[in-house]
């Protein structure tokens, strides 16, 4: 993913897992599997796992990060991780009807 794509992830937008993605907790963190693309992603950071799992419960990604204990000044690496997941179609923007 390019640096521009990583910066394009909007923390103030509402996100969710793609409908064809399953999150499976594992001892190391979690697995994300996309049934449409057959892509597998390993989440080894438990904070990222908590954020991804809680995205539907929050109005935007920034609120999910705050709920997971991530200070606003420390969102950089987490935003990049979320951008990578969005770039691989694991995360998608929530539709207005889902809000």
PDB file of N, CA and C in Angstrom:
ATOM      1  N   UNK A   1       0.852  -1.179   0.000  1.00  0.00           N
ATOM      2  CA  UNK A   1       0.000   0.000   0.000  1.00  0.00           C
ATOM      3  C   UNK A   1       0.885   1.225   0.000  1.00  0.00           C
ATOM      4  N   UNK A   2       0.517   2.179  -0.783  1.00  0.00           N
ATOM      5  CA  UNK A   2       1.304   3.403  -0.863  1.00  0.00           C
ATOM      6  C   UNK A   2       1.096   4.259   0.374  1.00  0.00           C
ATOM      7  N   UNK A   3       2.030   5.175   0.594  1.00  0.00           N
ATOM      8  CA  UNK A   3       1.913   6.091   1.730  1.00  0.00           C
ATOM      9  C   UNK A   3       0.653   6.931   1.606  1.00  0.00           C
ATOM     10  N   UNK A   4       0.287   7.303   0.366  1.00  0.00           N
ATOM     11  CA  UNK A   4      -0.927   8.093   0.165  1.00  0.00           C
ATOM     12  C   UNK A   4      -2.169   7.325   0.599  1.00  0.00           C
ATOM     13  N   UNK A   5      -2.203   6.033   0.297  1.00  0.00           N
ATOM     14  CA  UNK A   5      -3.358   5.226   0.681  1.00  0.00           C
ATOM     15  C   UNK A   5      -3.460   5.117   2.194  1.00  0.00           C
ATOM     16  N   UNK A   6      -2.310   4.984   2.861  1.00  0.00           N
ATOM     17  CA  UNK A   6      -2.319   4.902   4.319  1.00  0.00           C
ATOM     18  C   UNK A   6      -2.856   6.182   4.923  1.00  0.00           C
ATOM     19  N   UNK A   7      -2.493   7.331   4.334  1.00  0.00           N
ATOM     20  CA  UNK A   7      -2.978   8.603   4.849  1.00  0.00           C
ATOM     21  C   UNK A   7      -4.432   8.851   4.459  1.00  0.00           C
ATOM     22  N   UNK A   8      -4.935   8.139   3.455  1.00  0.00           N
ATOM     23  CA  UNK A   8      -6.297   8.350   2.981  1.00  0.00           C
ATOM     24  C   UNK A   8      -7.333   7.696   3.890  1.00  0.00           C
ATOM     25  N   UNK A   9      -6.909   6.810   4.786  1.00  0.00           N
ATOM     26  CA  UNK A   9      -7.856   6.164   5.689  1.00  0.00           C
ATOM     27  C   UNK A   9      -8.459   7.220   6.604  1.00  0.00           C
ATOM     28  N   UNK A  10      -9.753   7.294   6.602  1.00  0.00           N
ATOM     29  CA  UNK A  10     -10.433   8.323   7.379  1.00  0.00           C
ATOM     30  C   UNK A  10     -10.847   7.776   8.742  1.00  0.00           C
ATOM     31  N   UNK A  11     -10.132   8.209   9.768  1.00  0.00           N
ATOM     32  CA  UNK A  11     -10.452   7.774  11.121  1.00  0.00           C
ATOM     33  C   UNK A  11     -11.815   8.280  11.571  1.00  0.00           C
ATOM     34  N   UNK A  12     -12.279   9.368  10.967  1.00  0.00           N
ATOM     35  CA  UNK A  12     -13.559   9.942  11.373  1.00  0.00           C
ATOM     36  C   UNK A  12     -14.740   9.384  10.580  1.00  0.00           C
ATOM     37  N   UNK A  13     -14.499   8.338   9.804  1.00  0.00           N
ATOM     38  CA  UNK A  13     -15.570   7.657   9.068  1.00  0.00           C
ATOM     39  C   UNK A  13     -15.943   6.375   9.810  1.00  0.00           C
ATOM     40  N   UNK A  14     -17.137   5.895   9.538  1.00  0.00           N
ATOM     41  CA  UNK A  14     -17.599   4.645  10.143  1.00  0.00           C
ATOM     42  C   UNK A  14     -17.153   3.477   9.255  1.00  0.00           C
ATOM     43  N   UNK A  15     -16.541   2.464   9.869  1.00  0.00           N
ATOM     44  CA  UNK A  15     -16.007   1.305   9.159  1.00  0.00           C
ATOM     45  C   UNK A  15     -16.570   0.023   9.755  1.00  0.00           C
ATOM     46  N   UNK A  16     -16.469  -1.043   8.991  1.00  0.00           N
ATOM     47  CA  UNK A  16     -16.880  -2.363   9.465  1.00  0.00           C
ATOM     48  C   UNK A  16     -16.121  -3.413   8.667  1.00  0.00           C
ATOM     49  N   UNK A  17     -16.202  -4.649   9.125  1.00  0.00           N
ATOM     50  CA  UNK A  17     -15.640  -5.741   8.344  1.00  0.00           C
ATOM     51  C   UNK A  17     -16.455  -5.898   7.065  1.00  0.00           C
ATOM     52  N   UNK A  18     -15.784  -6.258   5.991  1.00  0.00           N
ATOM     53  CA  UNK A  18     -16.482  -6.593   4.749  1.00  0.00           C
ATOM     54  C   UNK A  18     -17.454  -7.734   5.072  1.00  0.00           C
ATOM     55  N   UNK A  19     -18.629  -7.772   4.453  1.00  0.00           N
ATOM     56  CA  UNK A  19     -19.604  -8.829   4.756  1.00  0.00           C
ATOM     57  C   UNK A  19     -19.083 -10.250   4.530  1.00  0.00           C
ATOM     58  N   UNK A  20     -18.062 -10.395   3.693  1.00  0.00           N
ATOM     59  CA  UNK A  20     -17.510 -11.724   3.429  1.00  0.00           C
ATOM     60  C   UNK A  20     -16.271 -12.021   4.267  1.00  0.00           C
ATOM     61  N   UNK A  21     -16.028 -11.221   5.304  1.00  0.00           N
ATOM     62  CA  UNK A  21     -14.847 -11.414   6.150  1.00  0.00           C
ATOM     63  C   UNK A  21     -15.269 -11.944   7.512  1.00  0.00           C
ATOM     64  N   UNK A  22     -14.537 -12.950   7.970  1.00  0.00           N
ATOM     65  CA  UNK A  22     -14.749 -13.502   9.309  1.00  0.00           C
ATOM     66  C   UNK A  22     -13.521 -13.215  10.158  1.00  0.00           C
ATOM     67  N   UNK A  23     -13.758 -12.855  11.407  1.00  0.00           N
ATOM     68  CA  UNK A  23     -12.683 -12.628  12.371  1.00  0.00           C
ATOM     69  C   UNK A  23     -12.699 -13.799  13.341  1.00  0.00           C
ATOM     70  N   UNK A  24     -11.559 -14.476  13.467  1.00  0.00           N
ATOM     71  CA  UNK A  24     -11.467 -15.611  14.381  1.00  0.00           C
ATOM     72  C   UNK A  24     -10.383 -15.338  15.411  1.00  0.00           C
ATOM     73  N   UNK A  25     -10.761 -15.241  16.687  1.00  0.00           N
ATOM     74  CA  UNK A  25      -9.756 -15.036  17.735  1.00  0.00           C
ATOM     75  C   UNK A  25      -8.776 -16.211  17.790  1.00  0.00           C
ATOM     76  N   UNK A  26      -7.529 -15.897  18.042  1.00  0.00           N
ATOM     77  CA  UNK A  26      -6.461 -16.887  18.157  1.00  0.00           C
ATOM     78  C   UNK A  26      -5.585 -16.506  19.342  1.00  0.00           C
ATOM     79  N   UNK A  27      -4.790 -17.436  19.867  1.00  0.00           N
ATOM     80  CA  UNK A  27      -3.913 -17.101  21.000  1.00  0.00           C
ATOM     81  C   UNK A  27      -2.954 -15.939  20.706  1.00  0.00           C
ATOM     82  N   UNK A  28      -2.548 -15.773  19.453  1.00  0.00           N
ATOM     83  CA  UNK A  28      -1.605 -14.707  19.090  1.00  0.00           C
ATOM     84  C   UNK A  28      -2.305 -13.394  18.780  1.00  0.00           C
ATOM     85  N   UNK A  29      -3.630 -13.406  18.631  1.00  0.00           N
ATOM     86  CA  UNK A  29      -4.393 -12.220  18.246  1.00  0.00           C
ATOM     87  C   UNK A  29      -5.663 -12.639  17.532  1.00  0.00           C
ATOM     88  N   UNK A  30      -5.631 -12.625  16.189  1.00  0.00           N
ATOM     89  CA  UNK A  30      -6.804 -13.054  15.418  1.00  0.00           C
ATOM     90  C   UNK A  30      -6.434 -13.292  13.960  1.00  0.00           C
ATOM     91  N   UNK A  31      -7.291 -14.038  13.297  1.00  0.00           N
ATOM     92  CA  UNK A  31      -7.208 -14.238  11.853  1.00  0.00           C
ATOM     93  C   UNK A  31      -8.397 -13.543  11.217  1.00  0.00           C
ATOM     94  N   UNK A  32      -8.159 -12.917  10.092  1.00  0.00           N
ATOM     95  CA  UNK A  32      -9.236 -12.388   9.259  1.00  0.00           C
ATOM     96  C   UNK A  32      -9.199 -13.192   7.971  1.00  0.00           C
ATOM     97  N   UNK A  33     -10.342 -13.730   7.581  1.00  0.00           N
ATOM     98  CA  UNK A  33     -10.405 -14.477   6.331  1.00  0.00           C
ATOM     99  C   UNK A  33     -11.495 -13.883   5.456  1.00  0.00           C
ATOM    100  N   UNK A  34     -11.131 -13.547   4.223  1.00  0.00           N
ATOM    101  CA  UNK A  34     -12.080 -12.996   3.257  1.00  0.00           C
ATOM    102  C   UNK A  34     -12.521 -14.136   2.349  1.00  0.00           C
ATOM    103  N   UNK A  35     -13.779 -14.530   2.472  1.00  0.00           N
ATOM    104  CA  UNK A  35     -14.289 -15.654   1.696  1.00  0.00           C
ATOM    105  C   UNK A  35     -14.407 -15.337   0.210  1.00  0.00           C
ATOM    106  N   UNK A  36     -14.499 -14.076  -0.150  1.00  0.00           N
ATOM    107  CA  UNK A  36     -14.594 -13.693  -1.555  1.00  0.00           C
ATOM    108  C   UNK A  36     -13.260 -13.740  -2.274  1.00  0.00           C
ATOM    109  N   UNK A  37     -12.219 -13.245  -1.613  1.00  0.00           N
ATOM    110  CA  UNK A  37     -10.896 -13.193  -2.240  1.00  0.00           C
ATOM    111  C   UNK A  37      -9.984 -14.321  -1.773  1.00  0.00           C
ATOM    112  N   UNK A  38     -10.406 -15.035  -0.741  1.00  0.00           N
ATOM    113  CA  UNK A  38      -9.633 -16.112  -0.107  1.00  0.00           C
ATOM    114  C   UNK A  38      -8.344 -15.588   0.518  1.00  0.00           C
ATOM    115  N   UNK A  39      -8.336 -14.325   0.859  1.00  0.00           N
ATOM    116  CA  UNK A  39      -7.171 -13.710   1.481  1.00  0.00           C
ATOM    117  C   UNK A  39      -7.244 -13.907   2.992  1.00  0.00           C
ATOM    118  N   UNK A  40      -6.093 -14.159   3.583  1.00  0.00           N
ATOM    119  CA  UNK A  40      -5.972 -14.372   5.022  1.00  0.00           C
ATOM    120  C   UNK A  40      -5.059 -13.302   5.596  1.00  0.00           C
ATOM    121  N   UNK A  41      -5.481 -12.681   6.678  1.00  0.00           N
ATOM    122  CA  UNK A  41      -4.643 -11.691   7.365  1.00  0.00           C
ATOM    123  C   UNK A  41      -4.482 -12.106   8.816  1.00  0.00           C
ATOM    124  N   UNK A  42      -3.275 -11.957   9.319  1.00  0.00           N
ATOM    125  CA  UNK A  42      -2.974 -12.253  10.710  1.00  0.00           C
ATOM    126  C   UNK A  42      -2.898 -10.943  11.475  1.00  0.00           C
ATOM    127  N   UNK A  43      -3.673 -10.828  12.534  1.00  0.00           N
ATOM    128  CA  UNK A  43      -3.600  -9.654  13.402  1.00  0.00           C
ATOM    129  C   UNK A  43      -2.877 -10.084  14.668  1.00  0.00           C
ATOM    130  N   UNK A  44      -1.667  -9.593  14.844  1.00  0.00           N
ATOM    131  CA  UNK A  44      -0.849 -10.002  15.984  1.00  0.00           C
ATOM    132  C   UNK A  44      -0.850  -8.979  17.104  1.00  0.00           C
ATOM    133  N   UNK A  45      -1.503  -7.862  16.893  1.00  0.00           N
ATOM    134  CA  UNK A  45      -1.591  -6.811  17.902  1.00  0.00           C
ATOM    135  C   UNK A  45      -3.000  -6.858  18.489  1.00  0.00           C
ATOM    136  N   UNK A  46      -3.089  -7.154  19.782  1.00  0.00           N
ATOM    137  CA  UNK A  46      -4.400  -7.322  20.415  1.00  0.00           C
ATOM    138  C   UNK A  46      -5.220  -6.032  20.422  1.00  0.00           C
ATOM    139  N   UNK A  47      -4.546  -4.894  20.426  1.00  0.00           N
ATOM    140  CA  UNK A  47      -5.281  -3.631  20.360  1.00  0.00           C
ATOM    141  C   UNK A  47      -5.946  -3.485  19.000  1.00  0.00           C
ATOM    142  N   UNK A  48      -5.238  -3.845  17.939  1.00  0.00           N
ATOM    143  CA  UNK A  48      -5.833  -3.795  16.597  1.00  0.00           C
ATOM    144  C   UNK A  48      -7.020  -4.754  16.528  1.00  0.00           C
ATOM    145  N   UNK A  49      -6.876  -5.932  17.125  1.00  0.00           N
ATOM    146  CA  UNK A  49      -7.982  -6.895  17.150  1.00  0.00           C
ATOM    147  C   UNK A  49      -9.193  -6.280  17.850  1.00  0.00           C
ATOM    148  N   UNK A  50      -8.958  -5.657  19.004  1.00  0.00           N
ATOM    149  CA  UNK A  50     -10.055  -5.037  19.758  1.00  0.00           C
ATOM    150  C   UNK A  50     -10.719  -3.931  18.951  1.00  0.00           C
ATOM    151  N   UNK A  51      -9.917  -3.133  18.266  1.00  0.00           N
ATOM    152  CA  UNK A  51     -10.466  -2.038  17.456  1.00  0.00           C
ATOM    153  C   UNK A  51     -11.305  -2.595  16.310  1.00  0.00           C
ATOM    154  N   UNK A  52     -10.760  -3.547  15.575  1.00  0.00           N
ATOM    155  CA  UNK A  52     -11.479  -4.121  14.430  1.00  0.00           C
ATOM    156  C   UNK A  52     -12.791  -4.765  14.891  1.00  0.00           C
ATOM    157  N   UNK A  53     -12.735  -5.502  15.996  1.00  0.00           N
ATOM    158  CA  UNK A  53     -13.938  -6.171  16.495  1.00  0.00           C
ATOM    159  C   UNK A  53     -14.998  -5.178  16.960  1.00  0.00           C
ATOM    160  N   UNK A  54     -14.558  -4.014  17.436  1.00  0.00           N
ATOM    161  CA  UNK A  54     -15.512  -3.048  17.994  1.00  0.00           C
ATOM    162  C   UNK A  54     -15.967  -1.984  16.997  1.00  0.00           C
ATOM    163  N   UNK A  55     -15.462  -1.993  15.784  1.00  0.00           N
ATOM    164  CA  UNK A  55     -15.851  -0.968  14.807  1.00  0.00           C
ATOM    165  C   UNK A  55     -17.370  -0.800  14.662  1.00  0.00           C
ATOM    166  N   UNK A  56     -18.154  -1.887  14.633  1.00  0.00           N
ATOM    167  CA  UNK A  56     -19.609  -1.698  14.488  1.00  0.00           C
ATOM    168  C   UNK A  56     -20.265  -0.994  15.680  1.00  0.00           C
ATOM    169  N   UNK A  57     -19.583  -0.996  16.814  1.00  0.00           N
ATOM    170  CA  UNK A  57     -20.145  -0.415  18.035  1.00  0.00           C
ATOM    171  C   UNK A  57     -19.849   1.069  18.199  1.00  0.00           C
ATOM    172  N   UNK A  58     -19.108   1.648  17.264  1.00  0.00           N
ATOM    173  CA  UNK A  58     -18.671   3.037  17.405  1.00  0.00           C
ATOM    174  C   UNK A  58     -19.042   3.851  16.169  1.00  0.00           C
ATOM    175  N   UNK A  59     -19.221   5.159  16.360  1.00  0.00           N
ATOM    176  CA  UNK A  59     -19.613   6.011  15.232  1.00  0.00           C
ATOM    177  C   UNK A  59     -18.511   6.197  14.193  1.00  0.00           C
ATOM    178  N   UNK A  60     -17.245   5.960  14.585  1.00  0.00           N
ATOM    179  CA  UNK A  60     -16.131   6.084  13.648  1.00  0.00           C
ATOM    180  C   UNK A  60     -14.930   5.324  14.195  1.00  0.00           C
ATOM    181  N   UNK A  61     -13.909   5.182  13.356  1.00  0.00           N
ATOM    182  CA  UNK A  61     -12.715   4.438  13.753  1.00  0.00           C
ATOM    183  C   UNK A  61     -11.982   5.127  14.897  1.00  0.00           C
ATOM    184  N   UNK A  62     -11.987   6.446  14.917  1.00  0.00           N
ATOM    185  CA  UNK A  62     -11.314   7.182  15.991  1.00  0.00           C
ATOM    186  C   UNK A  62     -11.937   6.836  17.352  1.00  0.00           C
ATOM    187  N   UNK A  63     -13.258   6.748  17.408  1.00  0.00           N
ATOM    188  CA  UNK A  63     -13.940   6.388  18.656  1.00  0.00           C
ATOM    189  C   UNK A  63     -13.596   4.954  19.063  1.00  0.00           C
ATOM    190  N   UNK A  64     -13.474   4.053  18.093  1.00  0.00           N
ATOM    191  CA  UNK A  64     -13.088   2.673  18.396  1.00  0.00           C
ATOM    192  C   UNK A  64     -11.671   2.627  18.956  1.00  0.00           C
ATOM    193  N   UNK A  65     -10.773   3.440  18.395  1.00  0.00           N
ATOM    194  CA  UNK A  65      -9.405   3.512  18.911  1.00  0.00           C
ATOM    195  C   UNK A  65      -9.392   4.044  20.339  1.00  0.00           C
ATOM    196  N   UNK A  66     -10.145   5.100  20.595  1.00  0.00           N
ATOM    197  CA  UNK A  66     -10.210   5.667  21.951  1.00  0.00           C
ATOM    198  C   UNK A  66     -10.750   4.634  22.937  1.00  0.00           C
ATOM    199  N   UNK A  67     -11.787   3.903  22.532  1.00  0.00           N
ATOM    200  CA  UNK A  67     -12.378   2.888  23.405  1.00  0.00           C
ATOM    201  C   UNK A  67     -11.385   1.771  23.723  1.00  0.00           C
ATOM    202  N   UNK A  68     -10.451   1.527  22.807  1.00  0.00           N
ATOM    203  CA  UNK A  68      -9.426   0.498  23.020  1.00  0.00           C
ATOM    204  C   UNK A  68      -8.235   1.041  23.807  1.00  0.00           C
ATOM    205  N   UNK A  69      -8.313   2.310  24.211  1.00  0.00           N
ATOM    206  CA  UNK A  69      -7.253   2.895  25.024  1.00  0.00           C
ATOM    207  C   UNK A  69      -6.147   3.563  24.242  1.00  0.00           C
ATOM    208  N   UNK A  70      -6.366   3.805  22.956  1.00  0.00           N
ATOM    209  CA  UNK A  70      -5.345   4.454  22.126  1.00  0.00           C
ATOM    210  C   UNK A  70      -5.543   5.964  22.204  1.00  0.00           C
ATOM    211  N   UNK A  71      -4.534   6.659  22.696  1.00  0.00           N
ATOM    212  CA  UNK A  71      -4.574   8.113  22.790  1.00  0.00           C
ATOM    213  C   UNK A  71      -4.545   8.715  21.385  1.00  0.00           C
ATOM    214  N   UNK A  72      -5.186   9.864  21.226  1.00  0.00           N
ATOM    215  CA  UNK A  72      -5.218  10.524  19.913  1.00  0.00           C
ATOM    216  C   UNK A  72      -3.820  10.757  19.344  1.00  0.00           C
ATOM    217  N   UNK A  73      -2.846  10.995  20.213  1.00  0.00           N
ATOM    218  CA  UNK A  73      -1.481  11.253  19.746  1.00  0.00           C
ATOM    219  C   UNK A  73      -0.776   9.982  19.273  1.00  0.00           C
ATOM    220  N   UNK A  74      -1.364   8.813  19.544  1.00  0.00           N
ATOM    221  CA  UNK A  74      -0.731   7.539  19.194  1.00  0.00           C
ATOM    222  C   UNK A  74      -1.481   6.787  18.099  1.00  0.00           C
ATOM    223  N   UNK A  75      -2.356   7.466  17.366  1.00  0.00           N
ATOM    224  CA  UNK A  75      -3.174   6.766  16.369  1.00  0.00           C
ATOM    225  C   UNK A  75      -2.423   6.405  15.090  1.00  0.00           C
ATOM    226  N   UNK A  76      -1.268   7.009  14.850  1.00  0.00           N
ATOM    227  CA  UNK A  76      -0.532   6.796  13.602  1.00  0.00           C
ATOM    228  C   UNK A  76      -0.373   5.350  13.179  1.00  0.00           C
ATOM    229  N   UNK A  77       0.284   4.506  13.999  1.00  0.00           N
ATOM    230  CA  UNK A  77       0.483   3.114  13.583  1.00  0.00           C
ATOM    231  C   UNK A  77      -0.828   2.334  13.462  1.00  0.00           C
ATOM    232  N   UNK A  78      -1.793   2.671  14.296  1.00  0.00           N
ATOM    233  CA  UNK A  78      -3.082   1.982  14.233  1.00  0.00           C
ATOM    234  C   UNK A  78      -3.857   2.397  12.985  1.00  0.00           C
ATOM    235  N   UNK A  79      -3.791   3.672  12.652  1.00  0.00           N
ATOM    236  CA  UNK A  79      -4.416   4.143  11.420  1.00  0.00           C
ATOM    237  C   UNK A  79      -3.800   3.472  10.206  1.00  0.00           C
ATOM    238  N   UNK A  80      -2.497   3.283  10.247  1.00  0.00           N
ATOM    239  CA  UNK A  80      -1.811   2.614   9.135  1.00  0.00           C
ATOM    240  C   UNK A  80      -2.258   1.153   9.030  1.00  0.00           C
ATOM    241  N   UNK A  81      -2.393   0.479  10.178  1.00  0.00           N
ATOM    242  CA  UNK A  81      -2.856  -0.912  10.173  1.00  0.00           C
ATOM    243  C   UNK A  81      -4.275  -1.004   9.623  1.00  0.00           C
ATOM    244  N   UNK A  82      -5.143  -0.091  10.052  1.00  0.00           N
ATOM    245  CA  UNK A  82      -6.519  -0.087   9.551  1.00  0.00           C
ATOM    246  C   UNK A  82      -6.556   0.236   8.059  1.00  0.00           C
ATOM    247  N   UNK A  83      -5.685   1.134   7.621  1.00  0.00           N
ATOM    248  CA  UNK A  83      -5.603   1.472   6.196  1.00  0.00           C
ATOM    249  C   UNK A  83      -5.178   0.259   5.376  1.00  0.00           C
ATOM    250  N   UNK A  84      -4.251  -0.514   5.905  1.00  0.00           N
ATOM    251  CA  UNK A  84      -3.809  -1.728   5.215  1.00  0.00           C
ATOM    252  C   UNK A  84      -4.965  -2.711   5.084  1.00  0.00           C
ATOM    253  N   UNK A  85      -5.743  -2.859   6.160  1.00  0.00           N
ATOM    254  CA  UNK A  85      -6.898  -3.763   6.110  1.00  0.00           C
ATOM    255  C   UNK A  85      -7.954  -3.252   5.127  1.00  0.00           C
ATOM    256  N   UNK A  86      -8.154  -1.956   5.083  1.00  0.00           N
ATOM    257  CA  UNK A  86      -9.102  -1.379   4.122  1.00  0.00           C
ATOM    258  C   UNK A  86      -8.584  -1.565   2.695  1.00  0.00           C
ATOM    259  N   UNK A  87      -7.283  -1.410   2.510  1.00  0.00           N
ATOM    260  CA  UNK A  87      -6.685  -1.573   1.189  1.00  0.00           C
ATOM    261  C   UNK A  87      -6.796  -2.988   0.658  1.00  0.00           C
ATOM    262  N   UNK A  88      -6.862  -3.962   1.560  1.00  0.00           N
ATOM    263  CA  UNK A  88      -7.014  -5.355   1.137  1.00  0.00           C
ATOM    264  C   UNK A  88      -8.480  -5.799   1.180  1.00  0.00           C
ATOM    265  N   UNK A  89      -9.378  -4.829   1.335  1.00  0.00           N
ATOM    266  CA  UNK A  89     -10.827  -5.066   1.311  1.00  0.00           C
ATOM    267  C   UNK A  89     -11.327  -5.892   2.490  1.00  0.00           C
ATOM    268  N   UNK A  90     -10.556  -5.916   3.580  1.00  0.00           N
ATOM    269  CA  UNK A  90     -11.027  -6.574   4.803  1.00  0.00           C
ATOM    270  C   UNK A  90     -11.991  -5.653   5.542  1.00  0.00           C
ATOM    271  N   UNK A  91     -11.703  -4.354   5.498  1.00  0.00           N
ATOM    272  CA  UNK A  91     -12.577  -3.340   6.091  1.00  0.00           C
ATOM    273  C   UNK A  91     -13.200  -2.526   4.973  1.00  0.00           C
ATOM    274  N   UNK A  92     -14.450  -2.163   5.162  1.00  0.00           N
ATOM    275  CA  UNK A  92     -15.151  -1.298   4.217  1.00  0.00           C
ATOM    276  C   UNK A  92     -15.895  -0.232   5.010  1.00  0.00           C
ATOM    277  N   UNK A  93     -16.190   0.864   4.342  1.00  0.00           N
ATOM    278  CA  UNK A  93     -16.997   1.903   4.999  1.00  0.00           C
ATOM    279  C   UNK A  93     -18.396   1.361   5.247  1.00  0.00           C
ATOM    280  N   UNK A  94     -18.929   1.702   6.393  1.00  0.00           N
ATOM    281  CA  UNK A  94     -20.308   1.320   6.692  1.00  0.00           C
ATOM    282  C   UNK A  94     -21.243   2.189   5.862  1.00  0.00           C
ATOM    283  N   UNK A  95     -22.289   1.607   5.367  1.00  0.00           N
ATOM    284  CA  UNK A  95     -23.281   2.344   4.587  1.00  0.00           C
ATOM    285  C   UNK A  95     -24.103   3.225   5.512  1.00  0.00           C
ATOM    286  N   UNK A  96     -24.662   4.276   4.972  1.00  0.00           N
ATOM    287  CA  UNK A  96     -25.484   5.192   5.765  1.00  0.00           C
ATOM    288  C   UNK A  96     -26.641   4.453   6.435  1.00  0.00           C
ATOM    289  N   UNK A  97     -27.178   3.437   5.781  1.00  0.00           N
ATOM    290  CA  UNK A  97     -28.294   2.678   6.348  1.00  0.00           C
ATOM    291  C   UNK A  97     -27.880   1.846   7.553  1.00  0.00           C
ATOM    292  N   UNK A  98     -26.559   1.630   7.726  1.00  0.00           N
ATOM    293  CA  UNK A  98     -26.056   0.845   8.848  1.00  0.00           C
ATOM    294  C   UNK A  98     -25.763   1.711  10.056  1.00  0.00           C
ATOM    295  N   UNK A  99     -25.809   3.016   9.895  1.00  0.00           N
ATOM    296  CA  UNK A  99     -25.418   3.910  10.980  1.00  0.00           C
ATOM    297  C   UNK A  99     -26.517   4.121  11.969  1.00  0.00           C
TER     298      UNK A  99
END
